[in-house]
Amino acid sequence: MIIERFWSMPNGDTFSMKPIMKILREEMNGSEWADPFARNSKFAKYTNDINPNTLAEYNMDALDFLKTFKTNSLDGLLFDPPYSLRQIKEIYDGIGISLTSHQSKYFFSDLKNEIQRIVKPNGKVLSFGWSSNGIGKKRGFEIQRIILIAHGGNHNDTIITIETNNQYNLELLK
């Protein structure tokens, strides 16, 4: 596993930060990539954001968007959700949608289970947030790189976890 650290001014549009753009260009192999929280980003072929006031192709709940893909159909996925439950609530409230108790309790695990299903073996997931948990070993993913993007001052680092789907190894372990 490789751990790297870069610096960038913070930006709500994660993929507009120069070090992150460079990482996306390095890591995104294949054409079948999805981004369930795209906002205005066009790095992935399939873009979604629940907020209709973005450039995303679809405006669905992220889980519903992920369920539209066939099993093992994606080369990779950009997973840049709101980083906390507070941010999730603010985003939903901001567009007039109430966050359900199920969503607030299972938001991340439901999404990760769908990601496990739709990313091809040897496909990649680039997860962004305040932790390096990523999709997880129990779902068959192996961390290849962890990248810290420091922002200075009182800002939390953005942590990027780059994982490969080794799901076929899970079957061998059963």
Foldseek 3Di string as FASTA:
>chain_A
DAEAEAEFADDPQVCVTVVNVVVLVVADPDQFEEEQPNFADDSHPAYEHCDPPGNHPYNDRSLVVLVVAAFQAGLEYEAEDPQALVSVQCVCVVRPHHQDPCCSVCVVVSNLLSRLGHHHQQHKYKHKYLDQCPSHVVSQKDWDYWYWYDNDDPDGTIIITMIGRRNVVVVVVD
